Amino acid sequence: MSEDRPAPARGLLVFGVLFAVVIVVAAVVGAAVALGNAGGSSDGGEVSAAKLAVGHCVDGLKESDDVAGLPVLPCEQPHEGEVFAIVELPAGPYPGEEALGRQAQQECLQRFETYAPSSVADDKVELFYLQPSQLSWSAGDRGVTCVATDPTAKRTGSLKG
């Protein structure tokens, strides 16, 4: 299905995560939001996906599709991803997984260019997003969490700037 998506601008490899994984992640996140999963500390420990914030550096993205809770750690420590945006989508009927995915992709790309302009041309950086499931959408969840990752290695430090 990735061939239906437009090629990203400026050589950035965007959204290399398989569509099936995104669907599973969205379902897990949606279930966590719908069940009111509790969060943790932003200085370390596990935080529910619904409680992630911009600037959180996270681990555990590669180990499992279950991202209802992710270890958050200081960005100075090696980590798999960095939350660079939280986008609230407008209310309305559930648009469907594909349309929601396209909207999430577009919103995350725009925000990444503002958050980390010096990383836009970095071919190692990929963008990953967590989007509402149909279940969580019906419960009022409109949040998309945008995460920058490097699938080749853990990074140290923030991409911001």
C-alpha atoms as a PDB file:
ATOM      1  CA  MET A   1       0.000   0.000   0.000  1.00  0.00           C
ATOM      2  CA  SER A   2       2.959   2.323   0.444  1.00  0.00           C
ATOM      3  CA  GLU A   3       3.165   2.879  -3.314  1.00  0.00           C
ATOM      4  CA  ASP A   4      -0.115   4.836  -3.104  1.00  0.00           C
ATOM      5  CA  ARG A   5       1.476   7.406  -0.814  1.00  0.00           C
ATOM      6  CA  PRO A   6       3.368  10.367  -2.277  1.00  0.00           C
ATOM      7  CA  ALA A   7       7.153  10.343  -2.013  1.00  0.00           C
ATOM      8  CA  PRO A   8       8.405  12.498   0.874  1.00  0.00           C
ATOM      9  CA  ALA A   9      10.089  15.800   0.081  1.00  0.00           C
ATOM     10  CA  ARG A  10      13.824  16.447   0.397  1.00  0.00           C
ATOM     11  CA  GLY A  11      14.930  12.826   0.490  1.00  0.00           C
ATOM     12  CA  LEU A  12      13.567  12.085   3.955  1.00  0.00           C
ATOM     13  CA  LEU A  13      12.588   8.469   4.383  1.00  0.00           C
ATOM     14  CA  VAL A  14       9.205   8.906   5.948  1.00  0.00           C
ATOM     15  CA  PHE A  15       6.865   6.384   7.420  1.00  0.00           C
ATOM     16  CA  GLY A  16       8.908   3.241   6.814  1.00  0.00           C
ATOM     17  CA  VAL A  17       6.844   1.372   9.362  1.00  0.00           C
ATOM     18  CA  LEU A  18       4.650  -1.256   7.776  1.00  0.00           C
ATOM     19  CA  PHE A  19       0.990  -0.323   7.490  1.00  0.00           C
ATOM     20  CA  ALA A  20      -0.012  -3.460   9.348  1.00  0.00           C
ATOM     21  CA  VAL A  21       2.137  -2.467  12.332  1.00  0.00           C
ATOM     22  CA  VAL A  22       0.531   0.970  12.381  1.00  0.00           C
ATOM     23  CA  ILE A  23      -2.899  -0.627  12.479  1.00  0.00           C
ATOM     24  CA  VAL A  24      -1.895  -2.883  15.382  1.00  0.00           C
ATOM     25  CA  VAL A  25      -0.299   0.048  17.205  1.00  0.00           C
ATOM     26  CA  ALA A  26      -3.369   2.204  16.653  1.00  0.00           C
ATOM     27  CA  ALA A  27      -5.605  -0.537  18.022  1.00  0.00           C
ATOM     28  CA  VAL A  28      -3.422  -0.996  21.111  1.00  0.00           C
ATOM     29  CA  VAL A  29      -3.204   2.735  21.741  1.00  0.00           C
ATOM     30  CA  GLY A  30      -6.930   3.133  21.183  1.00  0.00           C
ATOM     31  CA  ALA A  31      -7.707   0.384  23.645  1.00  0.00           C
ATOM     32  CA  ALA A  32      -5.368   1.950  26.209  1.00  0.00           C
ATOM     33  CA  VAL A  33      -7.032   5.353  25.793  1.00  0.00           C
ATOM     34  CA  ALA A  34     -10.528   3.892  25.934  1.00  0.00           C
ATOM     35  CA  LEU A  35      -9.699   2.023  29.129  1.00  0.00           C
ATOM     36  CA  GLY A  36      -8.145   5.112  30.735  1.00  0.00           C
ATOM     37  CA  ASN A  37      -4.679   3.643  31.117  1.00  0.00           C
ATOM     38  CA  ALA A  38      -2.689   5.548  33.779  1.00  0.00           C
ATOM     39  CA  GLY A  39       0.527   7.362  32.923  1.00  0.00           C
ATOM     40  CA  GLY A  40       3.914   7.527  34.574  1.00  0.00           C
ATOM     41  CA  SER A  41       6.767   9.976  35.074  1.00  0.00           C
ATOM     42  CA  SER A  42       8.336  11.897  32.204  1.00  0.00           C
ATOM     43  CA  ASP A  43      11.738  11.639  33.895  1.00  0.00           C
ATOM     44  CA  GLY A  44      11.888   7.883  33.560  1.00  0.00           C
ATOM     45  CA  GLY A  45       9.708   4.866  33.947  1.00  0.00           C
ATOM     46  CA  GLU A  46       6.877   3.675  31.795  1.00  0.00           C
ATOM     47  CA  VAL A  47       4.298   6.105  30.429  1.00  0.00           C
ATOM     48  CA  SER A  48       1.072   5.153  28.711  1.00  0.00           C
ATOM     49  CA  ALA A  49       1.036   6.042  25.024  1.00  0.00           C
ATOM     50  CA  ALA A  50      -1.882   8.395  25.720  1.00  0.00           C
ATOM     51  CA  LYS A  51       0.270  10.346  28.202  1.00  0.00           C
ATOM     52  CA  LEU A  52       3.336  10.859  25.996  1.00  0.00           C
ATOM     53  CA  ALA A  53       4.371  14.493  25.531  1.00  0.00           C
ATOM     54  CA  VAL A  54       6.493  16.441  23.071  1.00  0.00           C
ATOM     55  CA  GLY A  55      10.152  16.023  23.968  1.00  0.00           C
ATOM     56  CA  HIS A  56       9.764  12.578  25.556  1.00  0.00           C
ATOM     57  CA  CYS A  57      12.415  10.152  24.407  1.00  0.00           C
ATOM     58  CA  VAL A  58      11.172   6.567  24.416  1.00  0.00           C
ATOM     59  CA  ASP A  59      12.400   3.035  24.157  1.00  0.00           C
ATOM     60  CA  GLY A  60      10.578  -0.205  23.512  1.00  0.00           C
ATOM     61  CA  LEU A  61       9.303   0.568  20.021  1.00  0.00           C
ATOM     62  CA  LYS A  62      11.271  -2.297  18.446  1.00  0.00           C
ATOM     63  CA  GLU A  63      10.592  -4.963  21.038  1.00  0.00           C
ATOM     64  CA  SER A  64       6.848  -5.110  20.734  1.00  0.00           C
ATOM     65  CA  ASP A  65       3.758  -3.898  18.951  1.00  0.00           C
ATOM     66  CA  ASP A  66       2.284  -3.311  22.425  1.00  0.00           C
ATOM     67  CA  VAL A  67       3.021   0.365  22.936  1.00  0.00           C
ATOM     68  CA  ALA A  68       0.275   0.968  25.479  1.00  0.00           C
ATOM     69  CA  GLY A  69       3.154   1.705  27.851  1.00  0.00           C
ATOM     70  CA  LEU A  70       6.615   2.849  26.783  1.00  0.00           C
ATOM     71  CA  PRO A  71       9.749   3.435  28.823  1.00  0.00           C
ATOM     72  CA  VAL A  72      10.476   7.189  28.834  1.00  0.00           C
ATOM     73  CA  LEU A  73      14.050   8.193  29.513  1.00  0.00           C
ATOM     74  CA  PRO A  74      16.241  11.294  29.318  1.00  0.00           C
ATOM     75  CA  CYS A  75      17.156  12.052  25.707  1.00  0.00           C
ATOM     76  CA  GLU A  76      20.839  12.065  26.707  1.00  0.00           C
ATOM     77  CA  GLN A  77      20.564   8.283  27.105  1.00  0.00           C
ATOM     78  CA  PRO A  78      20.376   5.990  24.048  1.00  0.00           C
ATOM     79  CA  HIS A  79      16.736   5.744  22.915  1.00  0.00           C
ATOM     80  CA  GLU A  80      14.691   4.486  19.967  1.00  0.00           C
ATOM     81  CA  GLY A  81      12.415   7.459  19.383  1.00  0.00           C
ATOM     82  CA  GLU A  82      11.538  11.031  20.262  1.00  0.00           C
ATOM     83  CA  VAL A  83       8.011  12.428  20.468  1.00  0.00           C
ATOM     84  CA  PHE A  84       8.043  15.611  18.397  1.00  0.00           C
ATOM     85  CA  ALA A  85       4.339  16.454  18.107  1.00  0.00           C
ATOM     86  CA  ILE A  86       0.905  15.694  19.482  1.00  0.00           C
ATOM     87  CA  VAL A  87      -1.801  16.575  16.974  1.00  0.00           C
ATOM     88  CA  GLU A  88      -5.488  16.900  17.842  1.00  0.00           C
ATOM     89  CA  LEU A  89      -7.633  16.071  14.831  1.00  0.00           C
ATOM     90  CA  PRO A  90     -11.014  17.754  14.377  1.00  0.00           C
ATOM     91  CA  ALA A  91     -14.210  16.140  15.621  1.00  0.00           C
ATOM     92  CA  GLY A  92     -16.417  14.354  13.171  1.00  0.00           C
ATOM     93  CA  PRO A  93     -17.247  10.839  12.047  1.00  0.00           C
ATOM     94  CA  TYR A  94     -14.439   8.277  12.031  1.00  0.00           C
ATOM     95  CA  PRO A  95     -12.715   8.765   8.644  1.00  0.00           C
ATOM     96  CA  GLY A  96     -11.419   5.185   8.337  1.00  0.00           C
ATOM     97  CA  GLU A  97      -7.913   3.828   8.926  1.00  0.00           C
ATOM     98  CA  GLU A  98      -6.442   4.779   5.546  1.00  0.00           C
ATOM     99  CA  ALA A  99      -7.783   8.354   5.522  1.00  0.00           C
ATOM    100  CA  LEU A 100      -6.771   8.794   9.148  1.00  0.00           C
ATOM    101  CA  GLY A 101      -3.307   7.450   8.341  1.00  0.00           C
ATOM    102  CA  ARG A 102      -2.886   9.902   5.459  1.00  0.00           C
ATOM    103  CA  GLN A 103      -3.969  12.790   7.665  1.00  0.00           C
ATOM    104  CA  ALA A 104      -1.655  11.687  10.488  1.00  0.00           C
ATOM    105  CA  GLN A 105       1.237  11.333   8.021  1.00  0.00           C
ATOM    106  CA  GLN A 106       0.698  14.822   6.624  1.00  0.00           C
ATOM    107  CA  GLU A 107       0.347  16.454  10.045  1.00  0.00           C
ATOM    108  CA  CYS A 108       3.414  14.693  11.458  1.00  0.00           C
ATOM    109  CA  LEU A 109       5.601  15.589   8.457  1.00  0.00           C
ATOM    110  CA  GLN A 110       4.661  19.271   8.694  1.00  0.00           C
ATOM    111  CA  ARG A 111       5.427  19.370  12.404  1.00  0.00           C
ATOM    112  CA  PHE A 112       8.721  17.488  12.032  1.00  0.00           C
ATOM    113  CA  GLU A 113       9.969  20.112   9.588  1.00  0.00           C
ATOM    114  CA  THR A 114       9.355  22.750  12.283  1.00  0.00           C
ATOM    115  CA  TYR A 115      10.584  20.693  15.274  1.00  0.00           C
ATOM    116  CA  ALA A 116      13.802  19.367  13.742  1.00  0.00           C
ATOM    117  CA  PRO A 117      14.604  21.195  10.494  1.00  0.00           C
ATOM    118  CA  SER A 118      18.235  20.067  10.632  1.00  0.00           C
ATOM    119  CA  SER A 119      17.103  16.418  10.663  1.00  0.00           C
ATOM    120  CA  VAL A 120      14.705  16.590   7.714  1.00  0.00           C
ATOM    121  CA  ALA A 121      17.390  15.534   5.236  1.00  0.00           C
ATOM    122  CA  ASP A 122      18.728  12.754   7.503  1.00  0.00           C
ATOM    123  CA  ASP A 123      17.972   9.532   5.613  1.00  0.00           C
ATOM    124  CA  LYS A 124      18.259   7.526   8.837  1.00  0.00           C
ATOM    125  CA  VAL A 125      15.331   9.289  10.494  1.00  0.00           C
ATOM    126  CA  GLU A 126      11.889   7.818   9.946  1.00  0.00           C
ATOM    127  CA  LEU A 127       8.598   9.128  11.237  1.00  0.00           C
ATOM    128  CA  PHE A 128       6.235   6.899  13.141  1.00  0.00           C
ATOM    129  CA  TYR A 129       2.790   7.873  14.318  1.00  0.00           C
ATOM    130  CA  LEU A 130       0.232   6.523  16.725  1.00  0.00           C
ATOM    131  CA  GLN A 131      -3.317   7.244  15.612  1.00  0.00           C
ATOM    132  CA  PRO A 132      -6.723   6.671  17.201  1.00  0.00           C
ATOM    133  CA  SER A 133      -8.499   3.393  16.558  1.00  0.00           C
ATOM    134  CA  GLN A 134     -12.159   3.357  15.618  1.00  0.00           C
ATOM    135  CA  LEU A 135     -12.991   2.379  19.210  1.00  0.00           C
ATOM    136  CA  SER A 136     -10.978   5.195  20.791  1.00  0.00           C
ATOM    137  CA  TRP A 137     -12.292   7.680  18.184  1.00  0.00           C
ATOM    138  CA  SER A 138     -15.842   6.874  19.291  1.00  0.00           C
ATOM    139  CA  ALA A 139     -14.732   7.625  22.864  1.00  0.00           C
ATOM    140  CA  GLY A 140     -13.515  11.091  21.811  1.00  0.00           C
ATOM    141  CA  ASP A 141      -9.828  10.370  21.122  1.00  0.00           C
ATOM    142  CA  ARG A 142      -8.541  12.616  18.315  1.00  0.00           C
ATOM    143  CA  GLY A 143      -4.853  12.574  19.276  1.00  0.00           C
ATOM    144  CA  VAL A 144      -2.047  11.587  16.930  1.00  0.00           C
ATOM    145  CA  THR A 145       1.369  11.120  18.527  1.00  0.00           C
ATOM    146  CA  CYS A 146       4.280  11.736  16.157  1.00  0.00           C
ATOM    147  CA  VAL A 147       7.593   9.980  16.915  1.00  0.00           C
ATOM    148  CA  ALA A 148      10.924  10.288  15.083  1.00  0.00           C
ATOM    149  CA  THR A 149      12.902   7.037  15.030  1.00  0.00           C
ATOM    150  CA  ASP A 150      16.147   5.668  13.652  1.00  0.00           C
ATOM    151  CA  PRO A 151      15.614   1.998  12.794  1.00  0.00           C
ATOM    152  CA  THR A 152      19.366   1.451  12.338  1.00  0.00           C
ATOM    153  CA  ALA A 153      20.505   2.412  15.850  1.00  0.00           C
ATOM    154  CA  LYS A 154      19.543   4.048  19.106  1.00  0.00           C
ATOM    155  CA  ARG A 155      20.215   7.780  19.236  1.00  0.00           C
ATOM    156  CA  THR A 156      21.614   9.961  21.990  1.00  0.00           C
ATOM    157  CA  GLY A 157      20.415  13.550  22.366  1.00  0.00           C
ATOM    158  CA  SER A 158      17.414  15.368  20.978  1.00  0.00           C
ATOM    159  CA  LEU A 159      16.646  15.945  17.299  1.00  0.00           C
ATOM    160  CA  LYS A 160      15.073  19.297  18.147  1.00  0.00           C
ATOM    161  CA  GLY A 161      16.489  22.318  16.419  1.00  0.00           C
END
